[in-house]
Structure formats: structure tokens, C-alpha cells
Amino acid sequence: MKPRPQEWPHDGTLPANVQEFLEWLLTPTFDREPRTQAEWGRQHGGIHPNTMSQWKRDKRFREAFDKRAQELNLSPYRIQEVLDGVFKAAASGDMKAAQLYLQHVNQLAPKRLVIEDRSIAALSDAELREALSAEGLLA
């Protein structure tokens, strides 16, 4: 059965096959099975590519996609997988990868010196009174 957007639940959830399609779209292309959207539709009851295009344009789908993509992209597992790849490339002699890896682990980050320079004119009345009292210049 192919749910149309107007038949979707009103509780904010997606129909099961639409949720499955969303997860398939979020799978890295090198890991996707099946490889194409048309193949996915055929394997899931003959869902027409136009139907999947309508799903992707639906606001509810886009919101669910964006939320799930953000969760995946901030996943420590995905981040670690990328770092492992960068480390492997760096260990194989890729200097750009080495630079990126060392920056990530904060070994090449330039040290920053923060100098606070506030003039007396920038002080509030309370701050000025406090500074003068601390120096014993205000009774």
C-alpha cells in the first residue's frame, strides 16, 4: 500500500514504508542496498518514483529527514569512523590528513593569547567603585 501524504498519521510519525525510505536515503551511497531509488521502489511493492519524489517534497518528510540526518552526522560512531579514515590516510603519508588529524586532537592548534584591555571609561560605576575600594582609594 502506498500512503499518500494526506493519508499520513496526524501524530507526526511517518508511515512505515516512508520511514524505511528515509532511512535508506540516509544510508551512505556506498552501503545502499538496493543501489537506486527505482530499485528500492520495486522491492517495496512497486512504489512509483513519482510517489517517492512527492514524499521527499512533503514538509513532514523533510523535517524528519533533517532531524535524523543531524542525529546521524553528530553520532560519535560516524565521527570516529571518519577520524579512523583520516588517521589511516595520515599514517600512510598523506600530509593533509595528518594536519587535519593533529588539528582535531589539538596538537597543531595555534596557541592564542588573550589580552584584556579595558579602559577606565569602559568600566561601569559599580566596577569603578569596586576597583577603587580594592586599592583603598575609596572610603
C-alpha atoms as a PDB file:
ATOM      1  CA  MET A   1       0.000   0.000   0.000  1.00  0.00           C
ATOM      2  CA  LYS A   2       1.332   3.433  -0.954  1.00  0.00           C
ATOM      3  CA  PRO A   3       0.287   6.062   1.593  1.00  0.00           C
ATOM      4  CA  ARG A   4      -0.282   9.483   0.116  1.00  0.00           C
ATOM      5  CA  PRO A   5       0.810  12.482   2.183  1.00  0.00           C
ATOM      6  CA  GLN A   6      -2.800  13.312   3.072  1.00  0.00           C
ATOM      7  CA  GLU A   7      -3.203   9.759   4.479  1.00  0.00           C
ATOM      8  CA  TRP A   8      -0.241  10.072   6.810  1.00  0.00           C
ATOM      9  CA  PRO A   9      -0.865   9.888  10.559  1.00  0.00           C
ATOM     10  CA  HIS A  10      -1.610  13.180  12.265  1.00  0.00           C
ATOM     11  CA  ASP A  11       0.643  12.371  15.238  1.00  0.00           C
ATOM     12  CA  GLY A  12       3.808  13.444  13.436  1.00  0.00           C
ATOM     13  CA  THR A  13       5.005   9.930  12.635  1.00  0.00           C
ATOM     14  CA  LEU A  14       5.711   8.674   9.155  1.00  0.00           C
ATOM     15  CA  PRO A  15       4.119   5.561   7.654  1.00  0.00           C
ATOM     16  CA  ALA A  16       6.423   2.543   7.982  1.00  0.00           C
ATOM     17  CA  ASN A  17       7.426   2.400   4.308  1.00  0.00           C
ATOM     18  CA  VAL A  18       8.084   6.149   4.203  1.00  0.00           C
ATOM     19  CA  GLN A  19      10.261   5.819   7.328  1.00  0.00           C
ATOM     20  CA  GLU A  20      12.099   2.898   5.680  1.00  0.00           C
ATOM     21  CA  PHE A  21      12.677   5.024   2.576  1.00  0.00           C
ATOM     22  CA  LEU A  22      14.001   7.878   4.715  1.00  0.00           C
ATOM     23  CA  GLU A  23      16.480   5.545   6.442  1.00  0.00           C
ATOM     24  CA  TRP A  24      17.531   4.139   3.062  1.00  0.00           C
ATOM     25  CA  LEU A  25      18.186   7.687   1.794  1.00  0.00           C
ATOM     26  CA  LEU A  26      20.345   8.393   4.846  1.00  0.00           C
ATOM     27  CA  THR A  27      22.445   5.294   4.281  1.00  0.00           C
ATOM     28  CA  PRO A  28      25.812   6.219   2.728  1.00  0.00           C
ATOM     29  CA  THR A  29      25.562   5.638  -1.021  1.00  0.00           C
ATOM     30  CA  PHE A  30      28.413   3.125  -0.961  1.00  0.00           C
ATOM     31  CA  ASP A  31      26.407   0.978   1.512  1.00  0.00           C
ATOM     32  CA  ARG A  32      22.943   1.322  -0.040  1.00  0.00           C
ATOM     33  CA  GLU A  33      21.103  -1.822  -0.975  1.00  0.00           C
ATOM     34  CA  PRO A  34      19.455  -1.590  -3.405  1.00  0.00           C
ATOM     35  CA  ARG A  35      21.580   0.931  -5.214  1.00  0.00           C
ATOM     36  CA  THR A  36      18.892   3.123  -6.797  1.00  0.00           C
ATOM     37  CA  GLN A  37      15.651   4.721  -5.727  1.00  0.00           C
ATOM     38  CA  ALA A  38      13.794   2.972  -8.563  1.00  0.00           C
ATOM     39  CA  GLU A  39      15.086  -0.407  -7.365  1.00  0.00           C
ATOM     40  CA  TRP A  40      14.068   0.460  -3.799  1.00  0.00           C
ATOM     41  CA  GLY A  41      10.552   1.242  -5.015  1.00  0.00           C
ATOM     42  CA  ARG A  42      10.280  -2.019  -6.952  1.00  0.00           C
ATOM     43  CA  GLN A  43      11.449  -4.005  -3.915  1.00  0.00           C
ATOM     44  CA  HIS A  44       8.882  -2.290  -1.697  1.00  0.00           C
ATOM     45  CA  GLY A  45       5.692  -3.152  -3.506  1.00  0.00           C
ATOM     46  CA  GLY A  46       6.212  -1.299  -6.745  1.00  0.00           C
ATOM     47  CA  ILE A  47       6.237   2.210  -5.322  1.00  0.00           C
ATOM     48  CA  HIS A  48       6.437   4.593  -8.262  1.00  0.00           C
ATOM     49  CA  PRO A  49       9.418   7.009  -8.358  1.00  0.00           C
ATOM     50  CA  ASN A  50       6.965   9.938  -8.538  1.00  0.00           C
ATOM     51  CA  THR A  51       5.482   8.836  -5.210  1.00  0.00           C
ATOM     52  CA  MET A  52       8.916   8.850  -3.610  1.00  0.00           C
ATOM     53  CA  SER A  53       9.564  12.304  -5.085  1.00  0.00           C
ATOM     54  CA  GLN A  54       6.301  13.503  -3.522  1.00  0.00           C
ATOM     55  CA  TRP A  55       7.390  12.083  -0.177  1.00  0.00           C
ATOM     56  CA  LYS A  56      10.691  13.959  -0.400  1.00  0.00           C
ATOM     57  CA  ARG A  57       8.870  17.241  -1.093  1.00  0.00           C
ATOM     58  CA  ASP A  58       6.476  16.781   1.831  1.00  0.00           C
ATOM     59  CA  LYS A  59       7.236  19.093   4.764  1.00  0.00           C
ATOM     60  CA  ARG A  60       6.804  16.272   7.299  1.00  0.00           C
ATOM     61  CA  PHE A  61       9.296  14.105   5.437  1.00  0.00           C
ATOM     62  CA  ARG A  62      11.831  16.941   5.113  1.00  0.00           C
ATOM     63  CA  GLU A  63      11.572  17.724   8.835  1.00  0.00           C
ATOM     64  CA  ALA A  64      12.022  14.051   9.770  1.00  0.00           C
ATOM     65  CA  PHE A  65      14.901  13.746   7.286  1.00  0.00           C
ATOM     66  CA  ASP A  66      16.674  16.840   8.646  1.00  0.00           C
ATOM     67  CA  LYS A  67      16.249  15.700  12.245  1.00  0.00           C
ATOM     68  CA  ARG A  68      17.515  12.182  11.534  1.00  0.00           C
ATOM     69  CA  ALA A  69      20.405  13.470   9.384  1.00  0.00           C
ATOM     70  CA  GLN A  70      21.504  15.755  12.214  1.00  0.00           C
ATOM     71  CA  GLU A  71      21.404  12.849  14.664  1.00  0.00           C
ATOM     72  CA  LEU A  72      23.491  10.712  12.315  1.00  0.00           C
ATOM     73  CA  ASN A  73      26.001  13.426  11.498  1.00  0.00           C
ATOM     74  CA  LEU A  74      26.610  14.138  15.174  1.00  0.00           C
ATOM     75  CA  SER A  75      26.854  10.455  16.009  1.00  0.00           C
ATOM     76  CA  PRO A  76      30.130   9.638  17.774  1.00  0.00           C
ATOM     77  CA  TYR A  77      30.276   6.419  15.763  1.00  0.00           C
ATOM     78  CA  ARG A  78      30.207   8.256  12.440  1.00  0.00           C
ATOM     79  CA  ILE A  79      32.670  10.864  13.643  1.00  0.00           C
ATOM     80  CA  GLN A  80      35.014   8.145  14.888  1.00  0.00           C
ATOM     81  CA  GLU A  81      34.752   6.320  11.577  1.00  0.00           C
ATOM     82  CA  VAL A  82      35.830   9.484   9.758  1.00  0.00           C
ATOM     83  CA  LEU A  83      38.672  10.065  12.223  1.00  0.00           C
ATOM     84  CA  ASP A  84      39.825   6.479  11.731  1.00  0.00           C
ATOM     85  CA  GLY A  85      39.943   7.090   7.979  1.00  0.00           C
ATOM     86  CA  VAL A  86      41.829  10.356   8.416  1.00  0.00           C
ATOM     87  CA  PHE A  87      44.285   8.659  10.780  1.00  0.00           C
ATOM     88  CA  LYS A  88      44.820   5.787   8.342  1.00  0.00           C
ATOM     89  CA  ALA A  89      45.500   8.232   5.497  1.00  0.00           C
ATOM     90  CA  ALA A  90      47.835  10.255   7.725  1.00  0.00           C
ATOM     91  CA  ALA A  91      49.750   7.149   8.788  1.00  0.00           C
ATOM     92  CA  SER A  92      50.166   6.297   5.100  1.00  0.00           C
ATOM     93  CA  GLY A  93      51.898   9.616   4.439  1.00  0.00           C
ATOM     94  CA  ASP A  94      49.035  11.926   3.475  1.00  0.00           C
ATOM     95  CA  MET A  95      50.230  15.215   4.965  1.00  0.00           C
ATOM     96  CA  LYS A  96      46.872  16.984   4.627  1.00  0.00           C
ATOM     97  CA  ALA A  97      45.229  14.124   6.525  1.00  0.00           C
ATOM     98  CA  ALA A  98      47.997  14.318   9.136  1.00  0.00           C
ATOM     99  CA  GLN A  99      47.392  18.039   9.547  1.00  0.00           C
ATOM    100  CA  LEU A 100      43.636  17.527   9.893  1.00  0.00           C
ATOM    101  CA  TYR A 101      44.077  14.723  12.386  1.00  0.00           C
ATOM    102  CA  LEU A 102      46.560  16.649  14.526  1.00  0.00           C
ATOM    103  CA  GLN A 103      44.341  19.725  14.440  1.00  0.00           C
ATOM    104  CA  HIS A 104      41.460  17.573  15.608  1.00  0.00           C
ATOM    105  CA  VAL A 105      43.418  16.243  18.563  1.00  0.00           C
ATOM    106  CA  ASN A 106      44.531  19.833  19.236  1.00  0.00           C
ATOM    107  CA  GLN A 107      48.253  19.275  18.674  1.00  0.00           C
ATOM    108  CA  LEU A 108      48.664  21.830  15.895  1.00  0.00           C
ATOM    109  CA  ALA A 109      46.190  24.386  17.104  1.00  0.00           C
ATOM    110  CA  PRO A 110      47.884  27.742  17.349  1.00  0.00           C
ATOM    111  CA  LYS A 111      48.074  28.960  20.910  1.00  0.00           C
ATOM    112  CA  ARG A 112      46.064  32.106  21.462  1.00  0.00           C
ATOM    113  CA  LEU A 113      46.981  34.768  23.941  1.00  0.00           C
ATOM    114  CA  VAL A 114      44.004  36.757  25.164  1.00  0.00           C
ATOM    115  CA  ILE A 115      44.792  40.221  26.444  1.00  0.00           C
ATOM    116  CA  GLU A 116      42.043  42.048  28.256  1.00  0.00           C
ATOM    117  CA  ASP A 117      42.487  45.768  27.818  1.00  0.00           C
ATOM    118  CA  ARG A 118      39.679  47.775  29.332  1.00  0.00           C
ATOM    119  CA  SER A 119      39.986  51.474  29.772  1.00  0.00           C
ATOM    120  CA  ILE A 120      38.571  53.246  32.801  1.00  0.00           C
ATOM    121  CA  ALA A 121      35.933  54.829  30.594  1.00  0.00           C
ATOM    122  CA  ALA A 122      34.589  51.352  29.774  1.00  0.00           C
ATOM    123  CA  LEU A 123      34.015  50.484  33.445  1.00  0.00           C
ATOM    124  CA  SER A 124      30.552  50.775  34.934  1.00  0.00           C
ATOM    125  CA  ASP A 125      30.145  52.947  38.040  1.00  0.00           C
ATOM    126  CA  ALA A 126      29.912  49.843  40.221  1.00  0.00           C
ATOM    127  CA  GLU A 127      33.078  48.348  38.696  1.00  0.00           C
ATOM    128  CA  LEU A 128      34.956  51.618  39.180  1.00  0.00           C
ATOM    129  CA  ARG A 129      33.861  51.878  42.832  1.00  0.00           C
ATOM    130  CA  GLU A 130      34.886  48.245  43.393  1.00  0.00           C
ATOM    131  CA  ALA A 131      38.330  48.798  41.813  1.00  0.00           C
ATOM    132  CA  LEU A 132      38.940  51.977  43.806  1.00  0.00           C
ATOM    133  CA  SER A 133      37.809  50.290  47.036  1.00  0.00           C
ATOM    134  CA  ALA A 134      40.129  47.345  46.379  1.00  0.00           C
ATOM    135  CA  GLU A 135      43.030  49.802  46.079  1.00  0.00           C
ATOM    136  CA  GLY A 136      41.984  51.602  49.266  1.00  0.00           C
ATOM    137  CA  LEU A 137      41.277  54.807  47.377  1.00  0.00           C
ATOM    138  CA  LEU A 138      37.589  54.973  48.198  1.00  0.00           C
ATOM    139  CA  ALA A 139      36.218  55.178  51.707  1.00  0.00           C
END
